[in-house]
Amino acid sequence: MRAKREFRNREGTEVAILDELVDRADDGMTVFELRAAVEVDIDELEEALSTLKDDDLIVVESGNETVIKPADRVVPDEPTDEDDERSIGDWLRERIPF
C-alpha cells in the first residue's frame, strides 16, 4: 500500500519512507529496518525523518526500542486500485535520482 496521494509530492526519500511505513502501519519500523528498506545513507534518512516528524506525518514511539509509525492521516482508509498504478512521474523519480 502507498501513502495517500496528497503526501506523494514530497522529496523522494520522504515518499519512500512513508510508503514503507504505510505497509507496516500496525507494527511500525525501526530506523535500521527503514534504512534497509529505503536504501539510503543514514544522513539522508535522518534528514527525511526529521522533516516528516516536523510536518507531523510520522509518530515516534519509544519503548524497548524506538519504533516509527505513519500518522493516521497518511494511511489510506482502504486499499484502492490506484495503489498498483504509478504515474510516469513516480516511475521517473524511482529510476532517476533528483
C-alpha atoms as a PDB file:
ATOM      1  CA  MET A   1       0.000   0.000   0.000  1.00  0.00           C
ATOM      2  CA  ARG A   2       1.138   3.523  -0.631  1.00  0.00           C
ATOM      3  CA  ALA A   3       0.703   6.746   1.292  1.00  0.00           C
ATOM      4  CA  LYS A   4      -2.249   8.933   0.358  1.00  0.00           C
ATOM      5  CA  ARG A   5      -1.891  10.892  -2.856  1.00  0.00           C
ATOM      6  CA  GLU A   6      -1.707  14.277  -1.102  1.00  0.00           C
ATOM      7  CA  PHE A   7       1.560  13.205   0.568  1.00  0.00           C
ATOM      8  CA  ARG A   8       3.260  11.973  -2.607  1.00  0.00           C
ATOM      9  CA  ASN A   9       4.560  15.379  -3.785  1.00  0.00           C
ATOM     10  CA  ARG A  10       7.434  15.336  -1.282  1.00  0.00           C
ATOM     11  CA  GLU A  11      11.122  14.569  -1.755  1.00  0.00           C
ATOM     12  CA  GLY A  12      11.758  11.003  -2.993  1.00  0.00           C
ATOM     13  CA  THR A  13      13.257   9.681   0.240  1.00  0.00           C
ATOM     14  CA  GLU A  14      10.345  11.038   2.262  1.00  0.00           C
ATOM     15  CA  VAL A  15       7.803   9.365  -0.046  1.00  0.00           C
ATOM     16  CA  ALA A  16       9.724   6.080   0.103  1.00  0.00           C
ATOM     17  CA  ILE A  17       9.743   6.238   3.920  1.00  0.00           C
ATOM     18  CA  LEU A  18       6.018   6.970   4.069  1.00  0.00           C
ATOM     19  CA  ASP A  19       5.243   4.106   1.674  1.00  0.00           C
ATOM     20  CA  GLU A  20       7.299   1.648   3.739  1.00  0.00           C
ATOM     21  CA  LEU A  21       5.674   2.820   6.963  1.00  0.00           C
ATOM     22  CA  VAL A  22       2.170   2.577   5.497  1.00  0.00           C
ATOM     23  CA  ASP A  23       2.907  -1.042   4.556  1.00  0.00           C
ATOM     24  CA  ARG A  24       3.727  -1.743   8.208  1.00  0.00           C
ATOM     25  CA  ALA A  25       1.379   0.766   9.828  1.00  0.00           C
ATOM     26  CA  ASP A  26       0.353  -1.510  12.701  1.00  0.00           C
ATOM     27  CA  ASP A  27       3.831  -2.654  13.757  1.00  0.00           C
ATOM     28  CA  GLY A  28       5.916   0.325  12.663  1.00  0.00           C
ATOM     29  CA  MET A  29       9.586   0.086  11.792  1.00  0.00           C
ATOM     30  CA  THR A  30      12.885   0.782  13.499  1.00  0.00           C
ATOM     31  CA  VAL A  31      15.414   3.145  11.956  1.00  0.00           C
ATOM     32  CA  PHE A  32      17.509   0.137  10.915  1.00  0.00           C
ATOM     33  CA  GLU A  33      14.547  -1.509   9.177  1.00  0.00           C
ATOM     34  CA  LEU A  34      13.743   1.753   7.397  1.00  0.00           C
ATOM     35  CA  ARG A  35      17.327   2.227   6.304  1.00  0.00           C
ATOM     36  CA  ALA A  36      17.403  -1.267   4.789  1.00  0.00           C
ATOM     37  CA  ALA A  37      14.023  -0.847   3.100  1.00  0.00           C
ATOM     38  CA  VAL A  38      14.628   2.620   1.663  1.00  0.00           C
ATOM     39  CA  GLU A  39      18.322   2.019   0.853  1.00  0.00           C
ATOM     40  CA  VAL A  40      19.672   5.496   1.582  1.00  0.00           C
ATOM     41  CA  ASP A  41      22.574   6.581   3.746  1.00  0.00           C
ATOM     42  CA  ILE A  42      21.899   7.351   7.382  1.00  0.00           C
ATOM     43  CA  ASP A  43      22.321  11.127   6.985  1.00  0.00           C
ATOM     44  CA  GLU A  44      19.698  11.315   4.231  1.00  0.00           C
ATOM     45  CA  LEU A  45      17.371   9.077   6.241  1.00  0.00           C
ATOM     46  CA  GLU A  46      17.820  11.201   9.368  1.00  0.00           C
ATOM     47  CA  GLU A  47      17.083  14.413   7.458  1.00  0.00           C
ATOM     48  CA  ALA A  48      13.958  12.940   5.854  1.00  0.00           C
ATOM     49  CA  LEU A  49      12.697  11.577   9.189  1.00  0.00           C
ATOM     50  CA  SER A  50      13.270  14.949  10.816  1.00  0.00           C
ATOM     51  CA  THR A  51      11.258  16.703   8.103  1.00  0.00           C
ATOM     52  CA  LEU A  52       8.442  14.152   8.332  1.00  0.00           C
ATOM     53  CA  LYS A  53       8.360  14.488  12.125  1.00  0.00           C
ATOM     54  CA  ASP A  54       8.261  18.307  11.911  1.00  0.00           C
ATOM     55  CA  ASP A  55       5.331  18.036   9.486  1.00  0.00           C
ATOM     56  CA  ASP A  56       3.517  15.585  11.824  1.00  0.00           C
ATOM     57  CA  LEU A  57       3.473  12.818   9.209  1.00  0.00           C
ATOM     58  CA  ILE A  58       5.164  10.220  11.425  1.00  0.00           C
ATOM     59  CA  VAL A  59       4.841   9.185  15.058  1.00  0.00           C
ATOM     60  CA  VAL A  60       7.847   8.020  17.078  1.00  0.00           C
ATOM     61  CA  GLU A  61       7.072   5.587  19.889  1.00  0.00           C
ATOM     62  CA  SER A  62       9.722   4.787  22.472  1.00  0.00           C
ATOM     63  CA  GLY A  63       9.677   1.601  24.497  1.00  0.00           C
ATOM     64  CA  ASN A  64      12.069  -1.315  24.439  1.00  0.00           C
ATOM     65  CA  GLU A  65      13.126   0.040  21.068  1.00  0.00           C
ATOM     66  CA  THR A  66      12.172   3.138  19.130  1.00  0.00           C
ATOM     67  CA  VAL A  67       9.513   2.417  16.527  1.00  0.00           C
ATOM     68  CA  ILE A  68       8.376   4.810  13.819  1.00  0.00           C
ATOM     69  CA  LYS A  69       4.805   4.686  12.507  1.00  0.00           C
ATOM     70  CA  PRO A  70       2.935   6.767   9.953  1.00  0.00           C
ATOM     71  CA  ALA A  71       0.470   9.347  11.229  1.00  0.00           C
ATOM     72  CA  ASP A  72      -3.134   8.204  10.807  1.00  0.00           C
ATOM     73  CA  ARG A  73      -3.819  10.867   8.176  1.00  0.00           C
ATOM     74  CA  VAL A  74      -1.113   9.390   5.897  1.00  0.00           C
ATOM     75  CA  VAL A  75      -2.591   5.864   5.815  1.00  0.00           C
ATOM     76  CA  PRO A  76      -5.311   5.330   3.187  1.00  0.00           C
ATOM     77  CA  ASP A  77      -8.689   4.236   4.574  1.00  0.00           C
ATOM     78  CA  GLU A  78      -8.686   1.200   2.310  1.00  0.00           C
ATOM     79  CA  PRO A  79      -6.513  -0.112  -0.499  1.00  0.00           C
ATOM     80  CA  THR A  80      -7.538   1.092  -3.931  1.00  0.00           C
ATOM     81  CA  ASP A  81      -6.638   0.132  -7.459  1.00  0.00           C
ATOM     82  CA  GLU A  82      -4.588   3.313  -7.741  1.00  0.00           C
ATOM     83  CA  ASP A  83      -2.125   1.800  -5.242  1.00  0.00           C
ATOM     84  CA  ASP A  84      -0.997  -0.536  -8.008  1.00  0.00           C
ATOM     85  CA  GLU A  85      -0.813   2.193 -10.624  1.00  0.00           C
ATOM     86  CA  ARG A  86       2.156   4.534 -10.709  1.00  0.00           C
ATOM     87  CA  SER A  87       2.251   7.770 -12.566  1.00  0.00           C
ATOM     88  CA  ILE A  88       5.022   8.461 -15.043  1.00  0.00           C
ATOM     89  CA  GLY A  89       6.416  10.977 -12.558  1.00  0.00           C
ATOM     90  CA  ASP A  90       6.580   8.327  -9.823  1.00  0.00           C
ATOM     91  CA  TRP A  91       8.282   5.912 -12.193  1.00  0.00           C
ATOM     92  CA  LEU A  92      10.843   8.545 -13.228  1.00  0.00           C
ATOM     93  CA  ARG A  93      11.528   9.507  -9.596  1.00  0.00           C
ATOM     94  CA  GLU A  94      12.344   5.869  -8.817  1.00  0.00           C
ATOM     95  CA  ARG A  95      14.606   5.485 -11.840  1.00  0.00           C
ATOM     96  CA  ILE A  96      16.371   8.842 -11.992  1.00  0.00           C
ATOM     97  CA  PRO A  97      17.599  10.356  -8.728  1.00  0.00           C
ATOM     98  CA  PHE A  98      16.850  14.063  -8.479  1.00  0.00           C
END
